């Protein structure tokens, strides 16, 4: 696995429009909130996912380049390794409205029968505010916690997946200025630094065609969970997840209203021709980018709903991609 990642110089940070930052250094790996061996992983454990959310908040606000984000990254890497997966990092310097910032994407890989890739992702940086303490329990604590637990489940399940899986934690999704479009330029947006870097690396290394589907978690842990269909996402991926959600008894969560996000970490992938899906609750989450985005807004039940639906949907995504080979 490691040789594969070296051979493919990996690459490799999204929340919606409306908003802010700093240089990542390594930190001592904290004591894991929930460790396990991959052999024990069979189903999505909401309590484990919730423990990951709480651990992030213990570090405090986690904007790009901050010591708190470095501690979060060390925790993420430690938890991924405890799941028995191959882990790599991709460090890069980003030019931002606040100057150069060192950013780091984290990538876990589970090889499959095919080198074609399904990616599941989340950003792990929290929004920078100079005038308030923003912990980001749902944005991005919930999505990071759910993604860490998803890795444990997929790594522990057998048989070997048909396609290779990349689980990517993006740095620098949040704008460094207060608003998403406040400081950006057409050729240099002030947002999605890590995901844009990842896609550019894919292009440079002629690996874009390997990534057949990209699934993004963002703001999907609210206790009153309701997921509309992001208007940018591709319909076949939405159809698989929404139908699976209903089959599992969650028709009240996976609803058919539109969710207008306007941009997120899946956007660079869509522009590169990679089919992508954003699982996000934005329009009716009243605590977005406020000091009240705290742990009481996140529900283990919501994390489990999204986790269970993802676990049940991934084999269907694999089969769709096998039945629809690239031309």
Foldseek 3Di string as FASTA:
>chain_A
DVVVCVVQVFWWAWAFWWFAAAAADADPADDAQDFDELQPAAAQDLVQLLSQLVVLLVLFAFGAHDDSVNNNVSRLVVLLVSLVWDKDKDWDWAQAPVGIYIWIKIKTKQAALDAQEEEEEEEDHGHDDPPDGARQSLFPSNQSSLLSSLSSNLSNDDDGDHHMYMYMHHHFQGFNGGTQQPDADPVGGRGLPTLLRRVVSCVVSVNLRSHQEYEYEGRQFFPQAAWEFEPLADVVLLVLLQVLLVVVPNCRRYDHDYDHRPIISCVSSVVVVHHYGYGHDDPPPVCPPHNPSDSVRGDSVRSSSNSRSVVVRVSVVVVVCVVPDDD
